[in-house]
C-alpha atoms as a PDB file:
ATOM      1  CA  MET A   1      -3.774  18.559  11.251  1.00  0.00           C
ATOM      2  CA  ILE A   2      -4.866  16.564   8.213  1.00  0.00           C
ATOM      3  CA  GLU A   3      -8.354  17.985   7.779  1.00  0.00           C
ATOM      4  CA  THR A   4      -7.126  21.573   7.898  1.00  0.00           C
ATOM      5  CA  GLY A   5      -3.697  21.254   6.290  1.00  0.00           C
ATOM      6  CA  PHE A   6      -4.302  18.646   3.593  1.00  0.00           C
ATOM      7  CA  PRO A   7      -7.581  19.305   1.732  1.00  0.00           C
ATOM      8  CA  ARG A   8      -9.113  16.121   0.400  1.00  0.00           C
ATOM      9  CA  GLN A   9      -8.765  15.468  -3.330  1.00  0.00           C
ATOM     10  CA  LEU A  10     -10.515  12.836  -5.434  1.00  0.00           C
ATOM     11  CA  HIS A  11      -9.868  11.898  -9.050  1.00  0.00           C
ATOM     12  CA  ALA A  12     -12.832  12.740 -11.283  1.00  0.00           C
ATOM     13  CA  TYR A  13     -12.744   9.185 -12.665  1.00  0.00           C
ATOM     14  CA  TRP A  14     -13.352   7.652  -9.217  1.00  0.00           C
ATOM     15  CA  PRO A  15     -17.034   6.513  -9.646  1.00  0.00           C
ATOM     16  CA  LYS A  16     -16.202   4.650 -12.863  1.00  0.00           C
ATOM     17  CA  CYS A  17     -12.988   3.317 -11.303  1.00  0.00           C
ATOM     18  CA  GLN A  18     -14.943   1.900  -8.364  1.00  0.00           C
ATOM     19  CA  GLU A  19     -17.390   0.193 -10.712  1.00  0.00           C
ATOM     20  CA  LYS A  20     -14.641  -1.315 -12.856  1.00  0.00           C
ATOM     21  CA  THR A  21     -12.565  -2.534  -9.902  1.00  0.00           C
ATOM     22  CA  ARG A  22     -15.645  -4.208  -8.465  1.00  0.00           C
ATOM     23  CA  ALA A  23     -16.159  -5.981 -11.821  1.00  0.00           C
ATOM     24  CA  TRP A  24     -12.446  -6.891 -11.981  1.00  0.00           C
ATOM     25  CA  LEU A  25     -12.548  -8.516  -8.537  1.00  0.00           C
ATOM     26  CA  LEU A  26     -15.448 -10.663  -9.757  1.00  0.00           C
ATOM     27  CA  GLU A  27     -13.909 -11.465 -13.143  1.00  0.00           C
ATOM     28  CA  LYS A  28     -10.635 -12.552 -11.553  1.00  0.00           C
ATOM     29  CA  ARG A  29     -12.467 -14.495  -8.797  1.00  0.00           C
ATOM     30  CA  LEU A  30     -10.537 -12.607  -6.131  1.00  0.00           C
ATOM     31  CA  MET A  31     -13.612 -12.224  -3.920  1.00  0.00           C
ATOM     32  CA  PRO A  32     -16.841 -14.225  -3.983  1.00  0.00           C
ATOM     33  CA  ALA A  33     -19.813 -12.454  -5.552  1.00  0.00           C
ATOM     34  CA  ASP A  34     -21.670 -12.106  -2.254  1.00  0.00           C
ATOM     35  CA  LYS A  35     -18.622 -10.531  -0.570  1.00  0.00           C
ATOM     36  CA  VAL A  36     -18.123  -8.121  -3.465  1.00  0.00           C
ATOM     37  CA  GLU A  37     -21.791  -7.133  -3.369  1.00  0.00           C
ATOM     38  CA  GLU A  38     -21.865  -6.589   0.372  1.00  0.00           C
ATOM     39  CA  TYR A  39     -18.403  -5.256   1.173  1.00  0.00           C
ATOM     40  CA  ALA A  40     -16.364  -4.086  -1.857  1.00  0.00           C
ATOM     41  CA  ASP A  41     -17.568  -0.482  -1.996  1.00  0.00           C
ATOM     42  CA  GLY A  42     -17.535  -0.081   1.791  1.00  0.00           C
ATOM     43  CA  LEU A  43     -13.917  -1.205   2.000  1.00  0.00           C
ATOM     44  CA  CYS A  44     -13.027   1.971   0.031  1.00  0.00           C
ATOM     45  CA  TYR A  45     -10.030   0.468  -1.789  1.00  0.00           C
ATOM     46  CA  THR A  46     -10.637   2.564  -4.912  1.00  0.00           C
ATOM     47  CA  ASP A  47     -11.267   5.678  -2.795  1.00  0.00           C
ATOM     48  CA  LEU A  48      -7.766   5.303  -1.372  1.00  0.00           C
ATOM     49  CA  MET A  49      -6.084   5.263  -4.779  1.00  0.00           C
ATOM     50  CA  ALA A  50      -8.396   7.850  -6.361  1.00  0.00           C
ATOM     51  CA  GLY A  51      -7.519  10.206  -3.527  1.00  0.00           C
ATOM     52  CA  TYR A  52      -3.787   9.607  -4.023  1.00  0.00           C
ATOM     53  CA  TYR A  53      -2.852   9.516  -7.703  1.00  0.00           C
ATOM     54  CA  THR A  54      -5.086  12.392  -8.737  1.00  0.00           C
ATOM     55  CA  GLY A  55      -2.821  13.453 -11.610  1.00  0.00           C
ATOM     56  CA  ALA A  56      -3.010  10.045 -13.323  1.00  0.00           C
ATOM     57  CA  SER A  57      -4.770   9.286 -16.583  1.00  0.00           C
ATOM     58  CA  ASP A  58      -7.954   7.235 -16.216  1.00  0.00           C
ATOM     59  CA  GLU A  59      -6.192   4.139 -17.594  1.00  0.00           C
ATOM     60  CA  VAL A  60      -3.278   4.447 -15.180  1.00  0.00           C
ATOM     61  CA  LEU A  61      -5.547   5.056 -12.187  1.00  0.00           C
ATOM     62  CA  GLN A  62      -7.634   2.006 -13.082  1.00  0.00           C
ATOM     63  CA  ALA A  63      -4.559  -0.215 -13.288  1.00  0.00           C
ATOM     64  CA  ILE A  64      -3.254   1.095  -9.962  1.00  0.00           C
ATOM     65  CA  ALA A  65      -6.661   0.730  -8.288  1.00  0.00           C
ATOM     66  CA  ASP A  66      -7.029  -2.881  -9.451  1.00  0.00           C
ATOM     67  CA  TYR A  67      -3.492  -3.690  -8.317  1.00  0.00           C
ATOM     68  CA  SER A  68      -4.206  -2.074  -4.945  1.00  0.00           C
ATOM     69  CA  ALA A  69      -7.426  -4.090  -4.524  1.00  0.00           C
ATOM     70  CA  TRP A  70      -5.438  -7.216  -5.372  1.00  0.00           C
ATOM     71  CA  PHE A  71      -2.846  -6.213  -2.762  1.00  0.00           C
ATOM     72  CA  PHE A  72      -5.504  -6.047  -0.023  1.00  0.00           C
ATOM     73  CA  VAL A  73      -6.866  -9.466  -1.038  1.00  0.00           C
ATOM     74  CA  TRP A  74      -3.331 -10.865  -0.958  1.00  0.00           C
ATOM     75  CA  ASP A  75      -2.802  -9.339   2.484  1.00  0.00           C
ATOM     76  CA  ASP A  76      -5.958 -11.100   3.679  1.00  0.00           C
ATOM     77  CA  ARG A  77      -4.823 -14.453   2.246  1.00  0.00           C
ATOM     78  CA  HIS A  78      -1.469 -14.031   3.977  1.00  0.00           C
ATOM     79  CA  ASP A  79      -3.289 -13.311   7.232  1.00  0.00           C
ATOM     80  CA  ARG A  80      -5.559 -16.351   6.908  1.00  0.00           C
ATOM     81  CA  ASP A  81      -2.594 -18.613   6.075  1.00  0.00           C
ATOM     82  CA  ILE A  82      -1.015 -17.451   9.328  1.00  0.00           C
ATOM     83  CA  VAL A  83      -4.173 -17.715  11.442  1.00  0.00           C
ATOM     84  CA  HIS A  84      -4.954 -21.207  10.157  1.00  0.00           C
ATOM     85  CA  ARG A  85      -1.342 -22.409  10.242  1.00  0.00           C
ATOM     86  CA  ARG A  86      -0.816 -23.140   6.546  1.00  0.00           C
ATOM     87  CA  PRO A  87       2.941 -22.753   5.998  1.00  0.00           C
ATOM     88  CA  ALA A  88       3.014 -25.047   2.954  1.00  0.00           C
ATOM     89  CA  ALA A  89       0.230 -23.068   1.263  1.00  0.00           C
ATOM     90  CA  TRP A  90       2.041 -19.796   1.982  1.00  0.00           C
ATOM     91  CA  ARG A  91       5.390 -21.100   0.656  1.00  0.00           C
ATOM     92  CA  LEU A  92       3.688 -22.232  -2.547  1.00  0.00           C
ATOM     93  CA  LEU A  93       1.957 -18.890  -2.994  1.00  0.00           C
ATOM     94  CA  ARG A  94       5.137 -16.931  -2.256  1.00  0.00           C
ATOM     95  CA  GLY A  95       7.047 -18.793  -4.965  1.00  0.00           C
ATOM     96  CA  ARG A  96       4.248 -18.391  -7.482  1.00  0.00           C
ATOM     97  CA  LEU A  97       4.017 -14.643  -6.874  1.00  0.00           C
ATOM     98  CA  HIS A  98       7.750 -14.224  -7.413  1.00  0.00           C
ATOM     99  CA  SER A  99       7.372 -16.095 -10.716  1.00  0.00           C
ATOM    100  CA  ALA A 100       4.299 -14.105 -11.784  1.00  0.00           C
ATOM    101  CA  LEU A 101       6.138 -10.864 -11.126  1.00  0.00           C
ATOM    102  CA  ASP A 102       8.995 -11.899 -13.422  1.00  0.00           C
ATOM    103  CA  SER A 103       6.832 -13.364 -16.200  1.00  0.00           C
ATOM    104  CA  PRO A 104       3.266 -12.086 -15.799  1.00  0.00           C
ATOM    105  CA  GLY A 105       2.212 -13.073 -19.314  1.00  0.00           C
ATOM    106  CA  ALA A 106       2.811 -16.745 -18.507  1.00  0.00           C
ATOM    107  CA  HIS A 107       0.618 -16.606 -15.382  1.00  0.00           C
ATOM    108  CA  LEU A 108      -2.526 -14.856 -16.622  1.00  0.00           C
ATOM    109  CA  HIS A 109      -4.516 -18.110 -16.516  1.00  0.00           C
ATOM    110  CA  HIS A 110      -2.985 -19.615 -13.404  1.00  0.00           C
ATOM    111  CA  GLU A 111      -5.225 -21.922 -11.377  1.00  0.00           C
ATOM    112  CA  ASP A 112      -4.866 -19.774  -8.260  1.00  0.00           C
ATOM    113  CA  PRO A 113      -6.907 -16.589  -8.821  1.00  0.00           C
ATOM    114  CA  LEU A 114      -4.520 -14.640  -6.617  1.00  0.00           C
ATOM    115  CA  VAL A 115      -1.567 -15.518  -8.868  1.00  0.00           C
ATOM    116  CA  ALA A 116      -3.533 -14.798 -12.047  1.00  0.00           C
ATOM    117  CA  GLY A 117      -4.768 -11.506 -10.597  1.00  0.00           C
ATOM    118  CA  CYS A 118      -1.218 -10.490  -9.699  1.00  0.00           C
ATOM    119  CA  ALA A 119      -0.067 -11.290 -13.231  1.00  0.00           C
ATOM    120  CA  ASP A 120      -2.871  -9.267 -14.792  1.00  0.00           C
ATOM    121  CA  GLY A 121      -2.307  -6.267 -12.535  1.00  0.00           C
ATOM    122  CA  VAL A 122       1.462  -6.232 -12.963  1.00  0.00           C
ATOM    123  CA  LEU A 123       1.322  -6.729 -16.740  1.00  0.00           C
ATOM    124  CA  ARG A 124      -0.915  -3.681 -17.072  1.00  0.00           C
ATOM    125  CA  LEU A 125       1.383  -1.579 -14.891  1.00  0.00           C
ATOM    126  CA  TYR A 126       4.360  -2.670 -16.996  1.00  0.00           C
ATOM    127  CA  GLY A 127       2.745  -1.102 -20.072  1.00  0.00           C
ATOM    128  CA  PHE A 128       3.059   2.552 -19.096  1.00  0.00           C
ATOM    129  CA  LEU A 129       6.791   3.267 -18.734  1.00  0.00           C
ATOM    130  CA  PRO A 130      10.059   1.833 -20.099  1.00  0.00           C
ATOM    131  CA  GLN A 131      11.584  -1.494 -19.146  1.00  0.00           C
ATOM    132  CA  THR A 132      13.936   0.206 -16.690  1.00  0.00           C
ATOM    133  CA  TRP A 133      10.925   1.261 -14.598  1.00  0.00           C
ATOM    134  CA  ASN A 134       9.417  -2.236 -14.854  1.00  0.00           C
ATOM    135  CA  LEU A 135      12.596  -3.848 -13.548  1.00  0.00           C
ATOM    136  CA  ARG A 136      12.771  -1.419 -10.647  1.00  0.00           C
ATOM    137  CA  PHE A 137       9.110  -1.983  -9.754  1.00  0.00           C
ATOM    138  CA  ALA A 138       9.660  -5.763  -9.882  1.00  0.00           C
ATOM    139  CA  ARG A 139      12.760  -5.497  -7.672  1.00  0.00           C
ATOM    140  CA  HIS A 140      10.833  -3.477  -5.108  1.00  0.00           C
ATOM    141  CA  PHE A 141       7.863  -5.835  -5.130  1.00  0.00           C
ATOM    142  CA  HIS A 142      10.055  -8.937  -4.842  1.00  0.00           C
ATOM    143  CA  ALA A 143      11.375  -7.355  -1.623  1.00  0.00           C
ATOM    144  CA  VAL A 144       7.799  -6.875  -0.394  1.00  0.00           C
ATOM    145  CA  ILE A 145       6.969 -10.549  -0.981  1.00  0.00           C
ATOM    146  CA  ASP A 146      10.088 -11.579   0.948  1.00  0.00           C
ATOM    147  CA  ALA A 147       9.159  -9.199   3.774  1.00  0.00           C
ATOM    148  CA  TYR A 148       5.717 -10.800   3.970  1.00  0.00           C
ATOM    149  CA  ASP A 149       7.536 -14.108   4.383  1.00  0.00           C
ATOM    150  CA  ARG A 150       9.497 -12.708   7.344  1.00  0.00           C
ATOM    151  CA  GLU A 151       6.241 -11.459   8.834  1.00  0.00           C
ATOM    152  CA  PHE A 152       4.727 -14.934   8.340  1.00  0.00           C
ATOM    153  CA  HIS A 153       7.506 -16.515  10.370  1.00  0.00           C
ATOM    154  CA  ASN A 154       7.365 -13.858  13.088  1.00  0.00           C
ATOM    155  CA  ARG A 155       3.633 -14.227  13.528  1.00  0.00           C
ATOM    156  CA  THR A 156       3.510 -18.028  13.462  1.00  0.00           C
ATOM    157  CA  ARG A 157       6.305 -18.135  16.052  1.00  0.00           C
ATOM    158  CA  GLY A 158       4.919 -15.303  18.173  1.00  0.00           C
ATOM    159  CA  VAL A 159       8.028 -13.154  17.660  1.00  0.00           C
ATOM    160  CA  VAL A 160       7.464  -9.445  18.259  1.00  0.00           C
ATOM    161  CA  PRO A 161      10.218  -7.539  16.410  1.00  0.00           C
ATOM    162  CA  THR A 162      12.059  -4.762  18.246  1.00  0.00           C
ATOM    163  CA  VAL A 163      11.023  -1.234  17.362  1.00  0.00           C
ATOM    164  CA  GLU A 164      13.974  -0.700  15.013  1.00  0.00           C
ATOM    165  CA  GLU A 165      13.539  -4.141  13.389  1.00  0.00           C
ATOM    166  CA  TYR A 166       9.874  -3.428  12.941  1.00  0.00           C
ATOM    167  CA  LEU A 167      10.406  -0.003  11.382  1.00  0.00           C
ATOM    168  CA  ARG A 168      12.819  -1.458   8.817  1.00  0.00           C
ATOM    169  CA  LEU A 169      10.464  -4.311   7.987  1.00  0.00           C
ATOM    170  CA  ARG A 170       7.415  -2.035   7.869  1.00  0.00           C
ATOM    171  CA  ARG A 171       8.881  -0.044   4.998  1.00  0.00           C
ATOM    172  CA  LEU A 172       8.730  -3.272   3.027  1.00  0.00           C
ATOM    173  CA  THR A 173       5.452  -4.796   4.233  1.00  0.00           C
ATOM    174  CA  PHE A 174       3.710  -1.478   3.620  1.00  0.00           C
ATOM    175  CA  ALA A 175       5.409  -1.380   0.181  1.00  0.00           C
ATOM    176  CA  HIS A 176       6.788   2.146   0.585  1.00  0.00           C
ATOM    177  CA  TRP A 177       8.827   2.048  -2.609  1.00  0.00           C
ATOM    178  CA  VAL A 178       6.139   0.323  -4.686  1.00  0.00           C
ATOM    179  CA  TRP A 179       3.607   3.096  -4.048  1.00  0.00           C
ATOM    180  CA  THR A 180       6.357   5.669  -4.590  1.00  0.00           C
ATOM    181  CA  ASP A 181       7.303   4.034  -7.922  1.00  0.00           C
ATOM    182  CA  LEU A 182       3.672   4.327  -9.015  1.00  0.00           C
ATOM    183  CA  LEU A 183       3.861   8.112  -8.689  1.00  0.00           C
ATOM    184  CA  GLU A 184       5.794   8.053 -11.976  1.00  0.00           C
ATOM    185  CA  PRO A 185       3.231   6.440 -14.321  1.00  0.00           C
ATOM    186  CA  ALA A 186       0.669   8.682 -12.611  1.00  0.00           C
ATOM    187  CA  ALA A 187       2.837  11.643 -13.675  1.00  0.00           C
ATOM    188  CA  GLY A 188       3.478  10.103 -17.106  1.00  0.00           C
ATOM    189  CA  CYS A 189       7.242  10.261 -16.680  1.00  0.00           C
ATOM    190  CA  GLU A 190       9.984   7.930 -15.481  1.00  0.00           C
ATOM    191  CA  LEU A 191      12.286   9.835 -13.153  1.00  0.00           C
ATOM    192  CA  PRO A 192      16.038   9.254 -13.535  1.00  0.00           C
ATOM    193  CA  ASP A 193      18.006   8.011 -10.537  1.00  0.00           C
ATOM    194  CA  ALA A 194      19.537  11.421  -9.971  1.00  0.00           C
ATOM    195  CA  VAL A 195      16.056  12.828  -9.370  1.00  0.00           C
ATOM    196  CA  ARG A 196      14.476   9.917  -7.472  1.00  0.00           C
ATOM    197  CA  LYS A 197      17.469   9.520  -5.181  1.00  0.00           C
ATOM    198  CA  HIS A 198      17.984  13.223  -4.579  1.00  0.00           C
ATOM    199  CA  PRO A 199      17.701  13.755  -0.792  1.00  0.00           C
ATOM    200  CA  ALA A 200      14.929  16.349  -1.144  1.00  0.00           C
ATOM    201  CA  TYR A 201      12.698  14.098  -3.257  1.00  0.00           C
ATOM    202  CA  ARG A 202      13.465  10.918  -1.339  1.00  0.00           C
ATOM    203  CA  ARG A 203      12.829  12.477   2.081  1.00  0.00           C
ATOM    204  CA  ALA A 204       9.420  13.793   1.055  1.00  0.00           C
ATOM    205  CA  ALA A 205       8.510  10.425  -0.448  1.00  0.00           C
ATOM    206  CA  LEU A 206       9.632   8.501   2.635  1.00  0.00           C
ATOM    207  CA  LEU A 207       7.780  10.776   5.063  1.00  0.00           C
ATOM    208  CA  SER A 208       4.522  10.436   3.150  1.00  0.00           C
ATOM    209  CA  GLN A 209       4.821   6.651   3.306  1.00  0.00           C
ATOM    210  CA  GLU A 210       5.933   6.558   6.944  1.00  0.00           C
ATOM    211  CA  PHE A 211       2.898   8.610   7.887  1.00  0.00           C
ATOM    212  CA  ALA A 212       0.645   6.149   6.091  1.00  0.00           C
ATOM    213  CA  ALA A 213       2.239   3.072   7.675  1.00  0.00           C
ATOM    214  CA  TRP A 214       2.185   4.456  11.200  1.00  0.00           C
ATOM    215  CA  TYR A 215      -1.316   5.879  10.901  1.00  0.00           C
ATOM    216  CA  ASN A 216      -2.377   2.447   9.700  1.00  0.00           C
ATOM    217  CA  ASP A 217      -0.749   0.937  12.790  1.00  0.00           C
ATOM    218  CA  LEU A 218      -2.596   3.415  14.992  1.00  0.00           C
ATOM    219  CA  CYS A 219      -5.989   2.660  13.435  1.00  0.00           C
ATOM    220  CA  SER A 220      -5.519  -1.099  13.072  1.00  0.00           C
ATOM    221  CA  LEU A 221      -4.183  -1.671  16.597  1.00  0.00           C
ATOM    222  CA  PRO A 222      -7.553  -2.894  18.017  1.00  0.00           C
ATOM    223  CA  LYS A 223      -8.024  -5.227  15.038  1.00  0.00           C
ATOM    224  CA  GLU A 224      -4.491  -6.592  15.331  1.00  0.00           C
ATOM    225  CA  ILE A 225      -4.583  -7.071  19.098  1.00  0.00           C
ATOM    226  CA  ALA A 226      -7.851  -8.986  18.609  1.00  0.00           C
ATOM    227  CA  GLY A 227      -6.137 -11.168  15.999  1.00  0.00           C
ATOM    228  CA  ASP A 228      -3.046 -11.888  18.149  1.00  0.00           C
ATOM    229  CA  GLU A 229      -0.861  -9.855  15.774  1.00  0.00           C
ATOM    230  CA  VAL A 230       2.796  -9.136  16.513  1.00  0.00           C
ATOM    231  CA  HIS A 231       3.445  -6.695  13.649  1.00  0.00           C
ATOM    232  CA  ASN A 232       2.410  -3.231  14.763  1.00  0.00           C
ATOM    233  CA  LEU A 233       4.501  -0.323  16.002  1.00  0.00           C
ATOM    234  CA  GLY A 234       2.321  -0.078  19.108  1.00  0.00           C
ATOM    235  CA  ILE A 235       2.789  -3.760  19.899  1.00  0.00           C
ATOM    236  CA  SER A 236       6.596  -3.475  19.521  1.00  0.00           C
ATOM    237  CA  LEU A 237       6.599  -0.463  21.840  1.00  0.00           C
ATOM    238  CA  ILE A 238       4.619  -2.397  24.456  1.00  0.00           C
ATOM    239  CA  ALA A 239       6.731  -5.566  24.157  1.00  0.00           C
ATOM    240  CA  HIS A 240      10.207  -4.029  23.968  1.00  0.00           C
ATOM    241  CA  GLU A 241       9.978  -0.535  25.456  1.00  0.00           C
ATOM    242  CA  GLY A 242       7.744  -1.437  28.404  1.00  0.00           C
ATOM    243  CA  LEU A 243       5.006   1.021  27.450  1.00  0.00           C
ATOM    244  CA  THR A 244       1.395   0.580  28.493  1.00  0.00           C
ATOM    245  CA  LEU A 245      -1.236   0.430  25.750  1.00  0.00           C
ATOM    246  CA  GLU A 246      -2.155   4.070  26.411  1.00  0.00           C
ATOM    247  CA  GLN A 247       1.501   5.165  26.296  1.00  0.00           C
ATOM    248  CA  ALA A 248       2.105   3.198  23.087  1.00  0.00           C
ATOM    249  CA  VAL A 249      -0.890   4.824  21.398  1.00  0.00           C
ATOM    250  CA  ALA A 250       0.393   8.247  22.464  1.00  0.00           C
ATOM    251  CA  GLU A 251       3.883   7.490  21.113  1.00  0.00           C
ATOM    252  CA  VAL A 252       2.595   6.254  17.745  1.00  0.00           C
ATOM    253  CA  ARG A 253       0.411   9.342  17.539  1.00  0.00           C
ATOM    254  CA  ARG A 254       3.437  11.549  18.312  1.00  0.00           C
ATOM    255  CA  ARG A 255       5.415   9.913  15.502  1.00  0.00           C
ATOM    256  CA  VAL A 256       2.498  10.339  13.101  1.00  0.00           C
ATOM    257  CA  GLU A 257       2.209  14.034  13.923  1.00  0.00           C
ATOM    258  CA  LYS A 258       5.966  14.524  13.518  1.00  0.00           C
ATOM    259  CA  CYS A 259       5.759  12.917  10.067  1.00  0.00           C
ATOM    260  CA  ILE A 260       3.185  15.519   9.096  1.00  0.00           C
ATOM    261  CA  SER A 261       5.213  18.508  10.281  1.00  0.00           C
ATOM    262  CA  ASP A 262       8.463  17.094   8.848  1.00  0.00           C
ATOM    263  CA  PHE A 263       6.782  16.514   5.488  1.00  0.00           C
ATOM    264  CA  LEU A 264       5.714  20.154   5.294  1.00  0.00           C
ATOM    265  CA  ASP A 265       9.381  21.153   5.599  1.00  0.00           C
ATOM    266  CA  ALA A 266      10.529  18.450   3.171  1.00  0.00           C
ATOM    267  CA  GLU A 267       7.855  19.464   0.667  1.00  0.00           C
ATOM    268  CA  GLN A 268       9.240  23.004   0.482  1.00  0.00           C
ATOM    269  CA  GLU A 269      12.764  21.711  -0.039  1.00  0.00           C
ATOM    270  CA  ALA A 270      11.553  19.347  -2.775  1.00  0.00           C
ATOM    271  CA  LEU A 271       9.676  22.159  -4.512  1.00  0.00           C
ATOM    272  CA  ARG A 272      12.881  24.189  -4.571  1.00  0.00           C
ATOM    273  CA  PHE A 273      14.586  21.146  -6.100  1.00  0.00           C
ATOM    274  CA  ALA A 274      11.847  21.007  -8.764  1.00  0.00           C
ATOM    275  CA  ASP A 275      12.528  24.667  -9.561  1.00  0.00           C
ATOM    276  CA  GLU A 276      16.235  23.914  -9.977  1.00  0.00           C
ATOM    277  CA  LEU A 277      15.437  21.162 -12.476  1.00  0.00           C
ATOM    278  CA  ALA A 278      13.809  23.705 -14.791  1.00  0.00           C
ATOM    279  CA  ASP A 279      17.126  24.732 -16.348  1.00  0.00           C
ATOM    280  CA  GLY A 280      15.774  26.131 -19.605  1.00  0.00           C
ATOM    281  CA  THR A 281      15.924  22.828 -21.515  1.00  0.00           C
ATOM    282  CA  VAL A 282      12.913  20.841 -22.671  1.00  0.00           C
ATOM    283  CA  ARG A 283      14.023  17.881 -20.551  1.00  0.00           C
ATOM    284  CA  GLY A 284      14.510  20.077 -17.500  1.00  0.00           C
ATOM    285  CA  LYS A 285      11.032  21.538 -17.879  1.00  0.00           C
ATOM    286  CA  GLU A 286       9.558  18.015 -18.223  1.00  0.00           C
ATOM    287  CA  LEU A 287      11.340  16.694 -15.116  1.00  0.00           C
ATOM    288  CA  SER A 288      10.452  19.750 -13.054  1.00  0.00           C
ATOM    289  CA  ALA A 289       6.770  19.367 -13.959  1.00  0.00           C
ATOM    290  CA  ALA A 290       6.829  15.617 -13.219  1.00  0.00           C
ATOM    291  CA  VAL A 291       8.428  16.135  -9.807  1.00  0.00           C
ATOM    292  CA  ARG A 292       5.762  18.703  -8.956  1.00  0.00           C
ATOM    293  CA  VAL A 293       3.012  16.234  -9.911  1.00  0.00           C
ATOM    294  CA  CYS A 294       4.669  13.529  -7.782  1.00  0.00           C
ATOM    295  CA  LEU A 295       4.970  15.905  -4.830  1.00  0.00           C
ATOM    296  CA  GLY A 296       1.341  16.902  -5.176  1.00  0.00           C
ATOM    297  CA  ASN A 297       0.347  13.259  -5.037  1.00  0.00           C
ATOM    298  CA  MET A 298       2.615  12.633  -2.015  1.00  0.00           C
ATOM    299  CA  ARG A 299       0.667  15.412  -0.318  1.00  0.00           C
ATOM    300  CA  ASN A 300      -2.610  13.747  -1.390  1.00  0.00           C
ATOM    301  CA  TRP A 301      -1.490  10.531   0.322  1.00  0.00           C
ATOM    302  CA  PHE A 302      -1.917  12.156   3.746  1.00  0.00           C
ATOM    303  CA  SER A 303      -5.582  13.019   3.306  1.00  0.00           C
ATOM    304  CA  SER A 304      -6.387   9.867   1.348  1.00  0.00           C
ATOM    305  CA  VAL A 305      -4.899   7.579   4.008  1.00  0.00           C
ATOM    306  CA  TYR A 306      -6.568   9.573   6.778  1.00  0.00           C
ATOM    307  CA  TRP A 307     -10.070   9.386   5.295  1.00  0.00           C
ATOM    308  CA  PHE A 308      -9.625   5.754   4.211  1.00  0.00           C
ATOM    309  CA  HIS A 309      -8.980   4.677   7.774  1.00  0.00           C
ATOM    310  CA  HIS A 310     -12.023   6.505   9.041  1.00  0.00           C
ATOM    311  CA  GLU A 311     -14.394   5.349   6.305  1.00  0.00           C
ATOM    312  CA  SER A 312     -13.278   1.842   5.314  1.00  0.00           C
ATOM    313  CA  GLY A 313     -15.056  -1.167   6.778  1.00  0.00           C
ATOM    314  CA  ARG A 314     -11.616  -2.748   7.075  1.00  0.00           C
ATOM    315  CA  TYR A 315     -11.068  -1.064  10.440  1.00  0.00           C
ATOM    316  CA  ARG A 316     -14.528  -1.259  12.008  1.00  0.00           C
ATOM    317  CA  VAL A 317     -13.554  -4.169  14.205  1.00  0.00           C
ATOM    318  CA  ASP A 318     -16.118  -3.323  16.893  1.00  0.00           C
ATOM    319  CA  SER A 319     -18.929  -4.051  14.437  1.00  0.00           C
ATOM    320  CA  TRP A 320     -17.660  -7.526  13.492  1.00  0.00           C
ATOM    321  CA  ASP A 321     -19.315 -10.662  14.868  1.00  0.00           C
ATOM    322  CA  ASP A 322     -15.836 -12.104  15.471  1.00  0.00           C
ATOM    323  CA  ARG A 323     -13.211  -9.443  16.203  1.00  0.00           C
ATOM    324  CA  SER A 324     -10.446 -11.739  14.922  1.00  0.00           C
ATOM    325  CA  THR A 325     -12.119 -12.610  11.585  1.00  0.00           C
ATOM    326  CA  PRO A 326     -12.940  -9.869   9.064  1.00  0.00           C
ATOM    327  CA  PRO A 327     -16.422 -10.415   7.594  1.00  0.00           C
ATOM    328  CA  TYR A 328     -15.182  -9.616   4.066  1.00  0.00           C
ATOM    329  CA  VAL A 329     -12.738 -12.560   4.138  1.00  0.00           C
ATOM    330  CA  ASP A 330     -13.872 -15.868   2.671  1.00  0.00           C
ATOM    331  CA  ASN A 331     -11.891 -18.758   4.139  1.00  0.00           C
ATOM    332  CA  GLU A 332     -12.922 -21.155   1.404  1.00  0.00           C
ATOM    333  CA  ALA A 333     -11.576 -18.778  -1.230  1.00  0.00           C
ATOM    334  CA  ALA A 334      -8.397 -18.429   0.812  1.00  0.00           C
ATOM    335  CA  GLY A 335      -7.623 -22.116   0.472  1.00  0.00           C
ATOM    336  CA  GLU A 336      -9.395 -23.706   3.428  1.00  0.00           C
ATOM    337  CA  ARG A 337     -11.195 -27.005   3.052  1.00  0.00           C
END
């Protein structure tokens, strides 16, 4: 369905973006040099963003790609803090990230590279659109940090959320609205609330993100079972709906496929909405064009997520020496002593 219906796109800037993100990870000390050398390109973090925000300027794509790479490193730190039972370290990091999000300029030289990297990435993203967009992005990312805290407590206590609880939380831990916000700097235009919250636009945006989150759950299920995870749609289906592993995989796959078909319908409705915005005024023409760029990039998200999960070393759990410990994670860098 993806390979035939969603042709793969890749931003022309991608090779340079990959090179610069690799250098940024080193400069910000987010990954040790040996890990960057051996694993950074194979993890395909820049491929994921370069296949998504294809309408972005080179500068915007680079900022998004670096922020995305930071996000994966943060996700790994969060995971290691859980695995190695470091609640105090996680609480400290959580508070520092909230602070860095509100005042990134004051945290650029923070002692924790993860905090400094967050500040650098966010400050660059804040430079593209007006303050109203920055405040919205910050609000959405604060909610993501808090959701990661809820996941921390669930995992350390062995609590498997119900399917409905999980689906609500997943929209936050996958950062649905953060990646959707970033469609706007990629299009070079802040969308007013009346456009962003219009049912046609919002439904298409949500479906593209739901597909990505659930496809991620499908592909990461072996890795997360190996790591005693409790946050996965398949695991919630097994724990609370009484499904076998095979049945849970089939149900997640069914939901993924429905997201694809539903998006195709939503996309047409959103394109009609874009046409309606072109009301003969200069502003209407600008908004219509921006919505079309955003919709095109929502469509790109399907193929980019699909290929990322089949090409990234992040999901090749069967090739790891220890199925519960990713080889690209450095425990010393994550705060272990």
